[in-house]
Amino acid sequence: MRSRSSNPRVEVTFAPTVILVSVMRGFVSSFYAKVLGAGPSQMLAMATHELLENALKYSAEEGATIAIEVERGAELDHVIIRIKNRAEPAHIAPLREALDRMNEAPDAMSHYLNLMRETSKRPEGSGLGLARLRAEADMKLALEVEGNEVCIVAKCEVHKEKAA
């Protein structure tokens, strides 16, 4: 039996549909609440939902894998979310450009607000969901690409809740 201090981790491979994205949000919300407490669970559930929706919209095949790990620390826990799927080659370059531009912006919230203005008339591919993660959830995002397999890695720090 593992000790309670081990790093909680969950990984699910599934065919993303609108219904399953909603089911997964409920599941990860419960996971975060049990592992990290109620405080950060809703923001992390929103962040995970954004990543799942991206997989639903841009997956070239009916399959995606989401892996969530919480690395325990003395005062901070680190949450790492990886969402991996196959993408059409035409979607990979714009995704890379959106992440590069977002990560180069000195102020995450200003970038998010500017992006909202710039993309308000664009029918798809705005990058708003990813920019929202960086601005509202204070997540660091990276892209890993191998062939046509893309993996978005989102990381954040969570302050441990004080016991009452």
N, C-alpha and C. Protein backbone atom coordinates (compact mmCIF):
# COMPACT_ATOMS: atom_id res chain seq x y z
N MET A 1 0.83 -1.17 0.00
CA MET A 1 0.00 0.00 0.00
C MET A 1 0.89 1.24 0.00
N ARG A 2 0.53 2.23 -0.84
CA ARG A 2 1.32 3.46 -0.92
C ARG A 2 0.98 4.39 0.24
N SER A 3 1.95 5.22 0.57
CA SER A 3 1.69 6.20 1.61
C SER A 3 0.82 7.32 1.06
N ARG A 4 0.20 8.05 1.95
CA ARG A 4 -0.68 9.16 1.54
C ARG A 4 0.10 10.31 0.92
N SER A 5 1.40 10.33 1.09
CA SER A 5 2.20 11.43 0.55
C SER A 5 2.59 11.21 -0.92
N SER A 6 2.22 10.06 -1.49
CA SER A 6 2.58 9.81 -2.89
C SER A 6 1.83 10.79 -3.80
N ASN A 7 2.32 10.94 -5.00
CA ASN A 7 1.73 11.88 -5.94
C ASN A 7 0.49 11.28 -6.61
N PRO A 8 -0.68 11.82 -6.33
CA PRO A 8 -1.89 11.33 -6.98
C PRO A 8 -1.82 11.54 -8.49
N ARG A 9 -2.30 10.55 -9.24
CA ARG A 9 -2.22 10.61 -10.70
C ARG A 9 -3.40 9.85 -11.28
N VAL A 10 -3.92 10.36 -12.38
CA VAL A 10 -4.99 9.68 -13.11
C VAL A 10 -4.73 9.88 -14.60
N GLU A 11 -5.01 8.85 -15.38
CA GLU A 11 -4.86 8.93 -16.83
C GLU A 11 -6.04 8.21 -17.46
N VAL A 12 -6.66 8.88 -18.43
CA VAL A 12 -7.82 8.32 -19.11
C VAL A 12 -7.66 8.53 -20.61
N THR A 13 -7.86 7.46 -21.37
CA THR A 13 -7.91 7.55 -22.82
C THR A 13 -9.36 7.33 -23.22
N PHE A 14 -9.87 8.23 -24.04
CA PHE A 14 -11.27 8.15 -24.42
C PHE A 14 -11.50 8.81 -25.77
N ALA A 15 -12.67 8.57 -26.33
CA ALA A 15 -13.09 9.22 -27.57
C ALA A 15 -13.92 10.44 -27.17
N PRO A 16 -13.36 11.64 -27.29
CA PRO A 16 -14.07 12.81 -26.79
C PRO A 16 -15.35 13.11 -27.56
N THR A 17 -16.43 13.24 -26.82
CA THR A 17 -17.72 13.71 -27.34
C THR A 17 -18.19 14.78 -26.37
N VAL A 18 -19.18 15.55 -26.77
CA VAL A 18 -19.69 16.61 -25.89
C VAL A 18 -20.11 16.02 -24.55
N ILE A 19 -20.81 14.89 -24.58
CA ILE A 19 -21.29 14.27 -23.34
C ILE A 19 -20.11 13.79 -22.49
N LEU A 20 -19.12 13.15 -23.12
CA LEU A 20 -17.99 12.64 -22.34
C LEU A 20 -17.12 13.76 -21.78
N VAL A 21 -17.02 14.88 -22.48
CA VAL A 21 -16.27 16.01 -21.94
C VAL A 21 -16.94 16.48 -20.66
N SER A 22 -18.26 16.53 -20.65
CA SER A 22 -19.00 16.93 -19.45
C SER A 22 -18.80 15.92 -18.33
N VAL A 23 -18.85 14.63 -18.65
CA VAL A 23 -18.63 13.58 -17.65
C VAL A 23 -17.22 13.68 -17.09
N MET A 24 -16.23 13.90 -17.97
CA MET A 24 -14.84 14.02 -17.52
C MET A 24 -14.66 15.24 -16.61
N ARG A 25 -15.36 16.33 -16.91
CA ARG A 25 -15.25 17.52 -16.04
C ARG A 25 -15.73 17.17 -14.64
N GLY A 26 -16.85 16.46 -14.53
CA GLY A 26 -17.33 16.06 -13.22
C GLY A 26 -16.34 15.17 -12.50
N PHE A 27 -15.76 14.23 -13.24
CA PHE A 27 -14.77 13.32 -12.66
C PHE A 27 -13.55 14.08 -12.16
N VAL A 28 -12.97 14.94 -13.00
CA VAL A 28 -11.75 15.65 -12.58
C VAL A 28 -12.05 16.65 -11.47
N SER A 29 -13.24 17.22 -11.47
CA SER A 29 -13.62 18.12 -10.39
C SER A 29 -13.61 17.37 -9.05
N SER A 30 -14.16 16.16 -9.04
CA SER A 30 -14.15 15.33 -7.83
C SER A 30 -12.72 14.94 -7.45
N PHE A 31 -11.93 14.59 -8.45
CA PHE A 31 -10.52 14.23 -8.22
C PHE A 31 -9.78 15.37 -7.54
N TYR A 32 -9.90 16.58 -8.14
CA TYR A 32 -9.20 17.74 -7.58
C TYR A 32 -9.70 18.05 -6.16
N ALA A 33 -11.00 17.98 -5.94
CA ALA A 33 -11.56 18.29 -4.61
C ALA A 33 -11.02 17.33 -3.56
N LYS A 34 -10.93 16.04 -3.89
CA LYS A 34 -10.43 15.05 -2.93
C LYS A 34 -8.93 15.22 -2.68
N VAL A 35 -8.19 15.55 -3.73
CA VAL A 35 -6.73 15.59 -3.63
C VAL A 35 -6.23 16.95 -3.13
N LEU A 36 -6.88 18.05 -3.57
CA LEU A 36 -6.37 19.39 -3.28
C LEU A 36 -7.28 20.22 -2.38
N GLY A 37 -8.51 19.79 -2.21
CA GLY A 37 -9.47 20.57 -1.43
C GLY A 37 -10.39 21.36 -2.34
N ALA A 38 -11.43 21.90 -1.77
CA ALA A 38 -12.47 22.57 -2.54
C ALA A 38 -11.98 23.86 -3.20
N GLY A 39 -11.08 24.57 -2.55
CA GLY A 39 -10.63 25.87 -3.05
C GLY A 39 -10.19 25.87 -4.51
N PRO A 40 -9.16 25.12 -4.85
CA PRO A 40 -8.66 25.17 -6.23
C PRO A 40 -9.40 24.26 -7.21
N SER A 41 -10.29 23.41 -6.73
CA SER A 41 -10.86 22.37 -7.59
C SER A 41 -11.68 22.93 -8.75
N GLN A 42 -12.45 23.99 -8.53
CA GLN A 42 -13.29 24.52 -9.61
C GLN A 42 -12.46 25.17 -10.72
N MET A 43 -11.42 25.91 -10.35
CA MET A 43 -10.57 26.54 -11.37
C MET A 43 -9.84 25.47 -12.16
N LEU A 44 -9.35 24.45 -11.49
CA LEU A 44 -8.66 23.38 -12.19
C LEU A 44 -9.62 22.57 -13.06
N ALA A 45 -10.85 22.38 -12.61
CA ALA A 45 -11.85 21.70 -13.43
C ALA A 45 -12.14 22.51 -14.68
N MET A 46 -12.23 23.83 -14.56
CA MET A 46 -12.44 24.70 -15.72
C MET A 46 -11.26 24.57 -16.69
N ALA A 47 -10.07 24.58 -16.16
CA ALA A 47 -8.88 24.47 -17.01
C ALA A 47 -8.87 23.14 -17.75
N THR A 48 -9.16 22.08 -17.04
CA THR A 48 -9.19 20.76 -17.66
C THR A 48 -10.28 20.69 -18.72
N HIS A 49 -11.43 21.30 -18.43
CA HIS A 49 -12.54 21.34 -19.38
C HIS A 49 -12.11 22.04 -20.68
N GLU A 50 -11.40 23.15 -20.57
CA GLU A 50 -10.91 23.87 -21.76
C GLU A 50 -10.01 22.96 -22.60
N LEU A 51 -9.12 22.23 -21.94
CA LEU A 51 -8.22 21.34 -22.66
C LEU A 51 -8.98 20.19 -23.32
N LEU A 52 -9.98 19.66 -22.63
CA LEU A 52 -10.79 18.59 -23.19
C LEU A 52 -11.59 19.08 -24.40
N GLU A 53 -12.13 20.29 -24.31
CA GLU A 53 -12.87 20.86 -25.45
C GLU A 53 -11.96 21.03 -26.66
N ASN A 54 -10.73 21.44 -26.44
CA ASN A 54 -9.78 21.56 -27.55
C ASN A 54 -9.56 20.22 -28.21
N ALA A 55 -9.42 19.18 -27.40
CA ALA A 55 -9.23 17.83 -27.97
C ALA A 55 -10.45 17.43 -28.79
N LEU A 56 -11.63 17.77 -28.31
CA LEU A 56 -12.86 17.45 -29.03
C LEU A 56 -12.90 18.19 -30.37
N LYS A 57 -12.57 19.47 -30.36
CA LYS A 57 -12.65 20.30 -31.57
C LYS A 57 -11.58 19.96 -32.61
N TYR A 58 -10.36 19.69 -32.15
CA TYR A 58 -9.24 19.64 -33.08
C TYR A 58 -8.61 18.27 -33.26
N SER A 59 -9.17 17.25 -32.67
CA SER A 59 -8.61 15.91 -32.81
C SER A 59 -8.87 15.37 -34.21
N ALA A 60 -7.84 14.81 -34.82
CA ALA A 60 -7.97 14.23 -36.16
C ALA A 60 -8.60 12.84 -36.09
N GLU A 61 -8.57 12.24 -34.94
CA GLU A 61 -9.12 10.90 -34.74
C GLU A 61 -10.00 10.93 -33.50
N GLU A 62 -10.72 9.86 -33.32
CA GLU A 62 -11.59 9.77 -32.15
C GLU A 62 -10.85 9.20 -30.96
N GLY A 63 -9.85 9.90 -30.51
CA GLY A 63 -9.13 9.43 -29.34
C GLY A 63 -8.28 10.53 -28.75
N ALA A 64 -8.29 10.61 -27.43
CA ALA A 64 -7.46 11.56 -26.71
C ALA A 64 -7.11 10.93 -25.37
N THR A 65 -5.98 11.33 -24.84
CA THR A 65 -5.55 10.86 -23.53
C THR A 65 -5.30 12.07 -22.65
N ILE A 66 -5.90 12.05 -21.48
CA ILE A 66 -5.64 13.10 -20.51
C ILE A 66 -4.97 12.47 -19.31
N ALA A 67 -3.91 13.09 -18.85
CA ALA A 67 -3.19 12.62 -17.67
C ALA A 67 -3.06 13.80 -16.71
N ILE A 68 -3.41 13.57 -15.47
CA ILE A 68 -3.33 14.60 -14.44
C ILE A 68 -2.49 14.05 -13.31
N GLU A 69 -1.51 14.84 -12.89
CA GLU A 69 -0.66 14.44 -11.78
C GLU A 69 -0.51 15.60 -10.81
N VAL A 70 -0.55 15.29 -9.55
CA VAL A 70 -0.32 16.29 -8.51
C VAL A 70 0.98 15.91 -7.82
N GLU A 71 1.98 16.78 -7.97
CA GLU A 71 3.27 16.56 -7.30
C GLU A 71 3.21 17.29 -5.97
N ARG A 72 3.29 16.51 -4.90
CA ARG A 72 3.18 17.06 -3.56
C ARG A 72 4.44 17.83 -3.18
N GLY A 73 4.25 18.96 -2.53
CA GLY A 73 5.34 19.75 -2.01
C GLY A 73 5.05 20.14 -0.57
N ALA A 74 6.00 20.74 0.10
CA ALA A 74 5.82 21.12 1.50
C ALA A 74 4.74 22.18 1.65
N GLU A 75 4.81 23.24 0.84
CA GLU A 75 3.82 24.32 0.94
C GLU A 75 2.99 24.46 -0.31
N LEU A 76 3.52 23.98 -1.43
CA LEU A 76 2.81 24.07 -2.71
C LEU A 76 2.70 22.70 -3.33
N ASP A 77 1.59 22.46 -3.97
CA ASP A 77 1.46 21.28 -4.82
C ASP A 77 1.57 21.77 -6.25
N HIS A 78 2.10 20.94 -7.13
CA HIS A 78 2.20 21.27 -8.55
C HIS A 78 1.25 20.36 -9.31
N VAL A 79 0.38 20.96 -10.09
CA VAL A 79 -0.57 20.20 -10.90
C VAL A 79 -0.07 20.22 -12.33
N ILE A 80 0.01 19.05 -12.94
CA ILE A 80 0.43 18.92 -14.33
C ILE A 80 -0.67 18.19 -15.08
N ILE A 81 -1.20 18.85 -16.11
CA ILE A 81 -2.25 18.26 -16.94
C ILE A 81 -1.66 18.10 -18.33
N ARG A 82 -1.77 16.89 -18.86
CA ARG A 82 -1.32 16.62 -20.24
C ARG A 82 -2.52 16.11 -21.02
N ILE A 83 -2.78 16.74 -22.16
CA ILE A 83 -3.83 16.25 -23.05
C ILE A 83 -3.18 15.97 -24.39
N LYS A 84 -3.33 14.73 -24.84
CA LYS A 84 -2.63 14.29 -26.05
C LYS A 84 -3.66 13.75 -27.04
N ASN A 85 -3.51 14.16 -28.30
CA ASN A 85 -4.34 13.63 -29.37
C ASN A 85 -3.63 13.83 -30.71
N ARG A 86 -4.16 13.19 -31.71
CA ARG A 86 -3.64 13.40 -33.07
C ARG A 86 -4.36 14.60 -33.66
N ALA A 87 -3.62 15.42 -34.38
CA ALA A 87 -4.19 16.63 -34.96
C ALA A 87 -3.91 16.67 -36.45
N GLU A 88 -4.79 17.35 -37.16
CA GLU A 88 -4.55 17.60 -38.58
C GLU A 88 -3.33 18.49 -38.69
N PRO A 89 -2.46 18.25 -39.65
CA PRO A 89 -1.27 19.10 -39.80
C PRO A 89 -1.62 20.59 -39.91
N ALA A 90 -2.74 20.92 -40.51
CA ALA A 90 -3.14 22.32 -40.66
C ALA A 90 -3.44 23.00 -39.32
N HIS A 91 -3.71 22.23 -38.27
CA HIS A 91 -4.00 22.81 -36.96
C HIS A 91 -2.77 22.96 -36.08
N ILE A 92 -1.69 22.26 -36.41
CA ILE A 92 -0.52 22.26 -35.54
C ILE A 92 0.22 23.59 -35.57
N ALA A 93 0.49 24.13 -36.74
CA ALA A 93 1.23 25.40 -36.83
C ALA A 93 0.48 26.54 -36.14
N PRO A 94 -0.83 26.72 -36.36
CA PRO A 94 -1.53 27.79 -35.65
C PRO A 94 -1.53 27.60 -34.13
N LEU A 95 -1.60 26.35 -33.68
CA LEU A 95 -1.55 26.08 -32.25
C LEU A 95 -0.19 26.48 -31.68
N ARG A 96 0.86 26.11 -32.39
CA ARG A 96 2.22 26.49 -31.95
C ARG A 96 2.37 28.01 -31.91
N GLU A 97 1.89 28.68 -32.96
CA GLU A 97 1.98 30.15 -33.01
C GLU A 97 1.20 30.79 -31.87
N ALA A 98 0.00 30.28 -31.59
CA ALA A 98 -0.82 30.84 -30.51
C ALA A 98 -0.13 30.68 -29.15
N LEU A 99 0.45 29.50 -28.92
CA LEU A 99 1.14 29.28 -27.64
C LEU A 99 2.42 30.10 -27.54
N ASP A 100 3.16 30.19 -28.63
CA ASP A 100 4.38 31.01 -28.61
C ASP A 100 4.05 32.47 -28.31
N ARG A 101 3.05 32.98 -29.01
CA ARG A 101 2.64 34.39 -28.81
C ARG A 101 2.16 34.60 -27.37
N MET A 102 1.37 33.67 -26.87
CA MET A 102 0.86 33.78 -25.51
C MET A 102 2.00 33.75 -24.50
N ASN A 103 2.93 32.83 -24.66
CA ASN A 103 4.02 32.69 -23.70
C ASN A 103 5.01 33.85 -23.77
N GLU A 104 5.08 34.53 -24.91
CA GLU A 104 5.97 35.68 -25.04
C GLU A 104 5.36 36.95 -24.46
N ALA A 105 4.05 36.98 -24.29
CA ALA A 105 3.37 38.17 -23.76
C ALA A 105 3.78 38.38 -22.30
N PRO A 106 4.20 39.59 -21.95
CA PRO A 106 4.64 39.82 -20.58
C PRO A 106 3.50 39.80 -19.55
N ASP A 107 2.29 40.13 -19.97
CA ASP A 107 1.16 40.16 -19.05
C ASP A 107 0.05 39.26 -19.59
N ALA A 108 -0.23 38.19 -18.87
CA ALA A 108 -1.19 37.18 -19.33
C ALA A 108 -2.60 37.75 -19.50
N MET A 109 -3.05 38.57 -18.56
CA MET A 109 -4.41 39.11 -18.65
C MET A 109 -4.54 40.10 -19.79
N SER A 110 -3.56 40.95 -20.00
CA SER A 110 -3.60 41.89 -21.14
C SER A 110 -3.64 41.13 -22.45
N HIS A 111 -2.84 40.09 -22.55
CA HIS A 111 -2.83 39.28 -23.77
C HIS A 111 -4.21 38.66 -24.00
N TYR A 112 -4.81 38.13 -22.96
CA TYR A 112 -6.14 37.52 -23.06
C TYR A 112 -7.18 38.54 -23.52
N LEU A 113 -7.17 39.71 -22.93
CA LEU A 113 -8.14 40.76 -23.31
C LEU A 113 -7.91 41.23 -24.74
N ASN A 114 -6.65 41.40 -25.14
CA ASN A 114 -6.35 41.79 -26.53
C ASN A 114 -6.80 40.71 -27.50
N LEU A 115 -6.58 39.47 -27.15
CA LEU A 115 -6.98 38.35 -28.00
C LEU A 115 -8.50 38.31 -28.16
N MET A 116 -9.22 38.62 -27.10
CA MET A 116 -10.69 38.67 -27.20
C MET A 116 -11.12 39.70 -28.24
N ARG A 117 -10.48 40.86 -28.22
CA ARG A 117 -10.82 41.90 -29.19
C ARG A 117 -10.44 41.47 -30.61
N GLU A 118 -9.23 40.93 -30.76
CA GLU A 118 -8.73 40.54 -32.08
C GLU A 118 -9.56 39.43 -32.74
N THR A 119 -10.04 38.52 -31.95
CA THR A 119 -10.66 37.31 -32.51
C THR A 119 -12.18 37.30 -32.38
N SER A 120 -12.77 38.41 -32.00
CA SER A 120 -14.22 38.42 -31.74
C SER A 120 -15.05 38.03 -32.96
N LYS A 121 -14.56 38.25 -34.14
CA LYS A 121 -15.31 37.91 -35.35
C LYS A 121 -14.87 36.60 -35.99
N ARG A 122 -13.82 36.00 -35.46
CA ARG A 122 -13.29 34.76 -36.03
C ARG A 122 -14.19 33.58 -35.63
N PRO A 123 -14.58 32.75 -36.59
CA PRO A 123 -15.50 31.65 -36.27
C PRO A 123 -14.87 30.51 -35.46
N GLU A 124 -13.57 30.29 -35.59
CA GLU A 124 -12.91 29.22 -34.82
C GLU A 124 -11.42 29.48 -34.73
N GLY A 125 -10.78 28.76 -33.82
CA GLY A 125 -9.33 28.83 -33.71
C GLY A 125 -8.81 30.11 -33.11
N SER A 126 -9.52 30.67 -32.13
CA SER A 126 -9.12 31.95 -31.55
C SER A 126 -7.96 31.82 -30.57
N GLY A 127 -7.82 30.67 -29.93
CA GLY A 127 -6.81 30.51 -28.89
C GLY A 127 -7.25 31.08 -27.55
N LEU A 128 -8.51 31.51 -27.47
CA LEU A 128 -8.99 32.12 -26.23
C LEU A 128 -8.96 31.16 -25.05
N GLY A 129 -9.33 29.91 -25.29
CA GLY A 129 -9.36 28.95 -24.19
C GLY A 129 -8.00 28.79 -23.54
N LEU A 130 -6.96 28.67 -24.35
CA LEU A 130 -5.61 28.52 -23.82
C LEU A 130 -5.15 29.80 -23.12
N ALA A 131 -5.45 30.94 -23.73
CA ALA A 131 -5.08 32.22 -23.11
C ALA A 131 -5.80 32.39 -21.78
N ARG A 132 -7.04 31.91 -21.71
CA ARG A 132 -7.80 31.98 -20.46
C ARG A 132 -7.11 31.18 -19.37
N LEU A 133 -6.58 30.01 -19.72
CA LEU A 133 -5.88 29.18 -18.72
C LEU A 133 -4.69 29.92 -18.14
N ARG A 134 -3.96 30.59 -19.01
CA ARG A 134 -2.78 31.32 -18.54
C ARG A 134 -3.19 32.52 -17.70
N ALA A 135 -4.23 33.25 -18.13
CA ALA A 135 -4.63 34.47 -17.44
C ALA A 135 -5.39 34.20 -16.14
N GLU A 136 -6.38 33.32 -16.20
CA GLU A 136 -7.26 33.12 -15.04
C GLU A 136 -6.78 32.03 -14.09
N ALA A 137 -6.14 30.99 -14.62
CA ALA A 137 -5.70 29.89 -13.77
C ALA A 137 -4.20 29.95 -13.49
N ASP A 138 -3.53 30.96 -14.02
CA ASP A 138 -2.09 31.15 -13.82
C ASP A 138 -1.31 29.89 -14.19
N MET A 139 -1.67 29.33 -15.34
CA MET A 139 -1.02 28.10 -15.80
C MET A 139 0.07 28.43 -16.80
N LYS A 140 1.10 27.64 -16.77
CA LYS A 140 2.15 27.70 -17.78
C LYS A 140 1.81 26.61 -18.79
N LEU A 141 1.85 26.97 -20.07
CA LEU A 141 1.47 26.02 -21.11
C LEU A 141 2.63 25.78 -22.06
N ALA A 142 2.74 24.54 -22.49
CA ALA A 142 3.76 24.16 -23.45
C ALA A 142 3.15 23.19 -24.44
N LEU A 143 3.76 23.10 -25.59
CA LEU A 143 3.30 22.21 -26.64
C LEU A 143 4.42 21.24 -26.99
N GLU A 144 4.05 19.97 -27.03
CA GLU A 144 4.97 18.93 -27.48
C GLU A 144 4.35 18.31 -28.73
N VAL A 145 5.14 18.22 -29.80
CA VAL A 145 4.64 17.67 -31.06
C VAL A 145 5.57 16.56 -31.52
N GLU A 146 4.98 15.44 -31.87
CA GLU A 146 5.72 14.32 -32.44
C GLU A 146 4.90 13.81 -33.63
N GLY A 147 5.35 14.13 -34.83
CA GLY A 147 4.57 13.79 -36.01
C GLY A 147 3.27 14.58 -35.99
N ASN A 148 2.14 13.88 -36.03
CA ASN A 148 0.86 14.59 -35.94
C ASN A 148 0.21 14.41 -34.56
N GLU A 149 1.00 13.94 -33.60
CA GLU A 149 0.51 13.83 -32.23
C GLU A 149 0.92 15.08 -31.45
N VAL A 150 -0.08 15.75 -30.89
CA VAL A 150 0.17 16.95 -30.10
C VAL A 150 -0.15 16.68 -28.65
N CYS A 151 0.62 17.29 -27.78
CA CYS A 151 0.38 17.19 -26.35
C CYS A 151 0.52 18.60 -25.77
N ILE A 152 -0.57 19.08 -25.19
CA ILE A 152 -0.52 20.35 -24.49
C ILE A 152 -0.27 20.02 -23.02
N VAL A 153 0.74 20.66 -22.47
CA VAL A 153 1.10 20.45 -21.07
C VAL A 153 0.80 21.75 -20.33
N ALA A 154 -0.07 21.64 -19.33
CA ALA A 154 -0.45 22.80 -18.52
C ALA A 154 0.00 22.53 -17.09
N LYS A 155 0.70 23.51 -16.50
CA LYS A 155 1.22 23.35 -15.15
C LYS A 155 0.84 24.56 -14.31
N CYS A 156 0.57 24.30 -13.04
CA CYS A 156 0.31 25.40 -12.11
C CYS A 156 0.70 24.98 -10.70
N GLU A 157 0.83 25.97 -9.84
CA GLU A 157 1.12 25.75 -8.43
C GLU A 157 -0.16 25.98 -7.65
N VAL A 158 -0.37 25.16 -6.64
CA VAL A 158 -1.54 25.30 -5.78
C VAL A 158 -1.06 25.38 -4.34
N HIS A 159 -1.42 26.46 -3.66
CA HIS A 159 -1.08 26.58 -2.24
C HIS A 159 -1.90 25.59 -1.44
N LYS A 160 -1.27 24.93 -0.51
CA LYS A 160 -1.98 23.95 0.31
C LYS A 160 -2.98 24.66 1.19
N GLU A 161 -4.16 24.05 1.34
CA GLU A 161 -5.19 24.61 2.20
C GLU A 161 -4.79 24.39 3.65
N LYS A 162 -5.04 25.39 4.44
CA LYS A 162 -4.76 25.28 5.88
C LYS A 162 -5.85 24.48 6.56
N ALA A 163 -5.47 23.59 7.43
CA ALA A 163 -6.45 22.81 8.18
C ALA A 163 -7.15 23.72 9.19
N ALA A 164 -8.46 23.52 9.34
CA ALA A 164 -9.23 24.38 10.26
C ALA A 164 -9.02 23.97 11.70
